Amino acid sequence: MVAYGYYYGSAFIAAGLAVAYFVGWPWAVPCYILAAFCLYFFRDPDRVPPEGRVAVAPADGKVVAIKPHSPEATRVSIFLNIFDVHVNRTPIAGRVKEIRYQRGKFLVASREEATSQNEQNVMTVEGDGVTVVFSQIAGLIARRIECWKKVGDQVSLGERIGLIKFGSRMDILLGPEWEIAVRPGERVTAGSSVIARRRP
């Protein structure tokens, strides 16, 4: 559980108790429902990364796009709804080379324009002779991006690197040395689902 779950959950429970005391318990039910949702939303299950020279999904969610980003890179986009785990993970092991925060809009994260126009945090990781760039992208409701790493940090495959609150998107750019292993419409799990494999 991410600490925010306890923070928000406790606040709604306290609000529910106050409402029940002053107004009556039926009026407190929405507060308890919101408390339960917060505890569910901020869950943070452990994940076991796979073996081999692979890239794993940086987020739980649905693959909404696999498109050429440039002559040298393919973009895989993952949309997270409010019921997905929102803790983000690094797709490869290595060293954090760059972290760049980009201000922007708050379009619906499932839309294609969100990739270039939405507010986002872009992280570059180098490891095992490759460089992977991936972005935590804010959405219509998700307006808070957190990154728990800094430039120079060493990260292991599938390690937790941050959080996006309440619905969002993650994009990952993979070079020609990778063979994409997922398809649009497929659901993936952060830190354990293989999204690409290194070519021989």
Protein backbone atom coordinates (compact mmCIF):
# COMPACT_ATOMS: atom_id res chain seq x y z
CA MET A 1 0.00 0.00 0.00
CA VAL A 2 1.28 3.45 -0.93
CA ALA A 3 1.18 5.81 2.08
CA TYR A 4 -1.38 8.01 0.33
CA GLY A 5 -3.93 5.22 0.68
CA TYR A 6 -3.77 5.39 4.46
CA TYR A 7 -3.76 9.20 4.39
CA TYR A 8 -6.82 9.62 2.18
CA GLY A 9 -8.60 6.59 3.62
CA SER A 10 -8.19 7.84 7.19
CA ALA A 11 -9.41 11.30 6.21
CA PHE A 12 -12.61 9.93 4.67
CA ILE A 13 -13.21 7.60 7.62
CA ALA A 14 -12.82 10.53 10.01
CA ALA A 15 -15.20 12.58 7.89
CA GLY A 16 -17.69 9.68 7.92
CA LEU A 17 -17.56 9.41 11.70
CA ALA A 18 -18.18 13.14 12.03
CA VAL A 19 -21.10 13.05 9.62
CA ALA A 20 -22.58 10.01 11.37
CA TYR A 21 -22.31 11.74 14.75
CA PHE A 22 -23.85 15.04 13.72
CA VAL A 23 -26.28 14.03 10.95
CA GLY A 24 -26.79 10.27 11.04
CA TRP A 25 -25.06 7.15 9.78
CA PRO A 26 -26.83 6.89 6.38
CA TRP A 27 -25.26 10.21 5.36
CA ALA A 28 -21.81 8.88 6.23
CA VAL A 29 -21.95 5.95 3.79
CA PRO A 30 -20.46 7.93 0.82
CA CYS A 31 -17.45 8.83 2.98
CA TYR A 32 -16.85 5.18 3.82
CA ILE A 33 -17.18 4.20 0.15
CA LEU A 34 -14.58 6.82 -0.79
CA ALA A 35 -12.30 5.57 1.99
CA ALA A 36 -12.53 2.01 0.67
CA PHE A 37 -11.83 3.21 -2.88
CA CYS A 38 -8.71 5.10 -1.77
CA LEU A 39 -7.36 2.04 0.02
CA TYR A 40 -8.01 -0.01 -3.13
CA PHE A 41 -6.60 2.56 -5.54
CA PHE A 42 -3.28 3.02 -3.74
CA ARG A 43 -2.53 -0.70 -3.44
CA ASP A 44 1.03 -1.65 -4.32
CA PRO A 45 1.41 -5.41 -4.86
CA ASP A 46 4.81 -7.03 -5.20
CA ARG A 47 5.76 -8.21 -8.68
CA VAL A 48 8.28 -10.80 -9.84
CA PRO A 49 10.15 -9.75 -13.01
CA PRO A 50 10.73 -12.37 -15.72
CA GLU A 51 14.09 -13.83 -16.71
CA GLY A 52 15.98 -13.00 -19.88
CA ARG A 53 16.82 -9.89 -21.88
CA VAL A 54 13.38 -8.36 -21.86
CA ALA A 55 11.58 -5.09 -21.28
CA VAL A 56 8.62 -5.22 -18.91
CA ALA A 57 5.50 -3.09 -18.80
CA PRO A 58 6.08 0.14 -16.86
CA ALA A 59 2.42 0.28 -15.83
CA ASP A 60 -0.70 -1.80 -15.32
CA GLY A 61 -3.31 -1.17 -17.98
CA LYS A 62 -4.37 -1.64 -21.58
CA VAL A 63 -2.08 -1.28 -24.58
CA VAL A 64 -3.83 1.41 -26.63
CA ALA A 65 -1.22 2.02 -29.32
CA ILE A 66 1.91 0.56 -30.91
CA LYS A 67 3.21 3.07 -33.46
CA PRO A 68 6.44 4.25 -35.09
CA HIS A 69 7.78 7.20 -33.13
CA SER A 70 10.78 7.83 -35.35
CA PRO A 71 12.87 5.83 -37.82
CA GLU A 72 14.75 4.43 -34.81
CA ALA A 73 11.99 3.87 -32.25
CA THR A 74 8.57 2.31 -31.73
CA ARG A 75 6.16 3.72 -29.16
CA VAL A 76 4.06 1.44 -26.95
CA SER A 77 1.29 3.31 -25.10
CA ILE A 78 -0.48 1.96 -22.01
CA PHE A 79 -3.67 3.49 -20.62
CA LEU A 80 -4.42 3.16 -16.90
CA ASN A 81 -8.02 3.46 -15.75
CA ILE A 82 -8.91 4.35 -12.16
CA PHE A 83 -9.13 0.67 -11.18
CA ASP A 84 -5.58 -0.20 -12.25
CA VAL A 85 -2.57 -0.20 -9.93
CA HIS A 86 -0.93 3.21 -10.45
CA VAL A 87 2.56 2.53 -9.13
CA ASN A 88 4.95 2.74 -12.11
CA ARG A 89 8.04 0.61 -12.71
CA THR A 90 11.14 0.75 -14.87
CA PRO A 91 10.98 -1.41 -18.02
CA ILE A 92 14.71 -2.25 -17.96
CA ALA A 93 17.53 -2.37 -15.45
CA GLY A 94 20.23 0.27 -15.64
CA ARG A 95 21.14 3.82 -14.67
CA VAL A 96 18.78 6.78 -14.78
CA LYS A 97 20.42 9.05 -17.36
CA GLU A 98 17.86 11.84 -17.54
CA ILE A 99 14.57 12.98 -15.98
CA ARG A 100 12.68 15.76 -17.71
CA TYR A 101 9.38 17.28 -16.60
CA GLN A 102 7.21 18.70 -19.37
CA ARG A 103 4.23 20.92 -18.64
CA GLY A 104 1.17 20.54 -20.84
CA LYS A 105 -2.55 19.89 -21.10
CA PHE A 106 -4.76 17.42 -19.26
CA LEU A 107 -6.52 15.70 -22.16
CA VAL A 108 -8.16 12.29 -21.71
CA ALA A 109 -5.14 10.01 -21.40
CA SER A 110 -6.46 7.38 -23.82
CA ARG A 111 -6.41 9.90 -26.68
CA GLU A 112 -3.49 9.86 -29.10
CA GLU A 113 -2.81 13.57 -28.59
CA ALA A 114 -2.03 12.94 -24.93
CA THR A 115 1.38 11.56 -25.93
CA SER A 116 2.65 14.93 -27.15
CA GLN A 117 0.36 17.48 -25.50
CA ASN A 118 -0.25 16.32 -21.92
CA GLU A 119 1.81 17.15 -18.85
CA GLN A 120 4.37 14.40 -18.31
CA ASN A 121 7.56 13.20 -16.70
CA VAL A 122 10.05 11.68 -19.14
CA MET A 123 12.71 9.29 -17.83
CA THR A 124 15.67 7.82 -19.72
CA VAL A 125 17.36 4.64 -18.48
CA GLU A 126 20.56 3.13 -19.89
CA GLY A 127 21.57 -0.46 -19.27
CA ASP A 128 23.07 -3.53 -20.96
CA GLY A 129 23.99 -1.53 -24.04
CA VAL A 130 20.53 -0.07 -24.69
CA THR A 131 18.65 3.11 -23.86
CA VAL A 132 14.92 3.18 -23.13
CA VAL A 133 12.80 6.31 -22.74
CA PHE A 134 9.43 6.19 -21.01
CA SER A 135 6.92 8.81 -19.89
CA GLN A 136 4.50 9.16 -16.98
CA ILE A 137 1.65 11.11 -18.58
CA ALA A 138 -1.08 12.95 -16.70
CA GLY A 139 -4.71 12.62 -17.79
CA LEU A 140 -8.04 14.37 -17.41
CA ILE A 141 -8.33 13.41 -13.73
CA ALA A 142 -4.73 12.46 -12.96
CA ARG A 143 -2.99 15.78 -12.33
CA ARG A 144 -0.28 14.66 -9.98
CA ILE A 145 2.80 12.82 -11.20
CA GLU A 146 5.40 11.62 -8.73
CA CYS A 147 8.89 10.37 -9.58
CA TRP A 148 10.79 8.65 -6.79
CA LYS A 149 14.15 8.47 -8.60
CA LYS A 150 16.87 10.96 -9.52
CA VAL A 151 19.51 11.14 -12.23
CA GLY A 152 22.33 8.70 -11.53
CA ASP A 153 20.23 6.18 -9.61
CA GLN A 154 20.66 2.50 -10.44
CA VAL A 155 17.37 0.66 -11.00
CA SER A 156 16.63 -3.04 -11.31
CA LEU A 157 14.19 -4.56 -13.78
CA GLY A 158 10.63 -3.76 -12.73
CA GLU A 159 11.68 -1.54 -9.81
CA ARG A 160 9.18 1.03 -8.57
CA ILE A 161 9.99 4.49 -9.93
CA GLY A 162 6.89 6.59 -9.26
CA LEU A 163 3.15 7.06 -9.19
CA ILE A 164 0.42 8.82 -11.18
CA LYS A 165 -2.81 9.53 -9.34
CA PHE A 166 -6.28 8.66 -10.65
CA GLY A 167 -6.15 7.53 -14.28
CA SER A 168 -3.26 8.18 -16.65
CA ARG A 169 -1.02 6.90 -19.45
CA MET A 170 2.52 5.64 -19.91
CA ASP A 171 4.47 5.62 -23.15
CA ILE A 172 7.69 3.69 -23.75
CA LEU A 173 10.04 4.13 -26.71
CA LEU A 174 11.88 1.02 -27.88
CA GLY A 175 14.66 0.98 -30.47
CA PRO A 176 15.19 -1.46 -33.37
CA GLU A 177 17.09 -3.84 -31.06
CA TRP A 178 13.74 -4.77 -29.49
CA GLU A 179 11.06 -7.11 -30.80
CA ILE A 180 7.63 -5.98 -29.58
CA ALA A 181 5.82 -8.78 -27.70
CA VAL A 182 2.38 -7.19 -27.11
CA ARG A 183 -0.56 -6.11 -29.26
CA PRO A 184 -3.07 -3.25 -29.06
CA GLY A 185 -5.95 -4.15 -26.77
CA GLU A 186 -3.84 -6.45 -24.60
CA ARG A 187 -3.76 -5.88 -20.84
CA VAL A 188 -0.37 -5.81 -19.14
CA THR A 189 0.93 -5.86 -15.58
CA ALA A 190 3.72 -3.53 -14.46
CA GLY A 191 7.00 -5.22 -13.64
CA SER A 192 6.00 -8.69 -14.81
CA SER A 193 4.42 -8.55 -18.30
CA VAL A 194 7.00 -8.74 -21.11
CA ILE A 195 6.35 -6.00 -23.68
CA ALA A 196 9.51 -6.58 -25.76
CA ARG A 197 12.46 -8.95 -26.15
CA ARG A 198 16.01 -8.18 -27.25
CA ARG A 199 16.76 -9.39 -30.75
CA PRO A 200 19.67 -11.86 -31.10
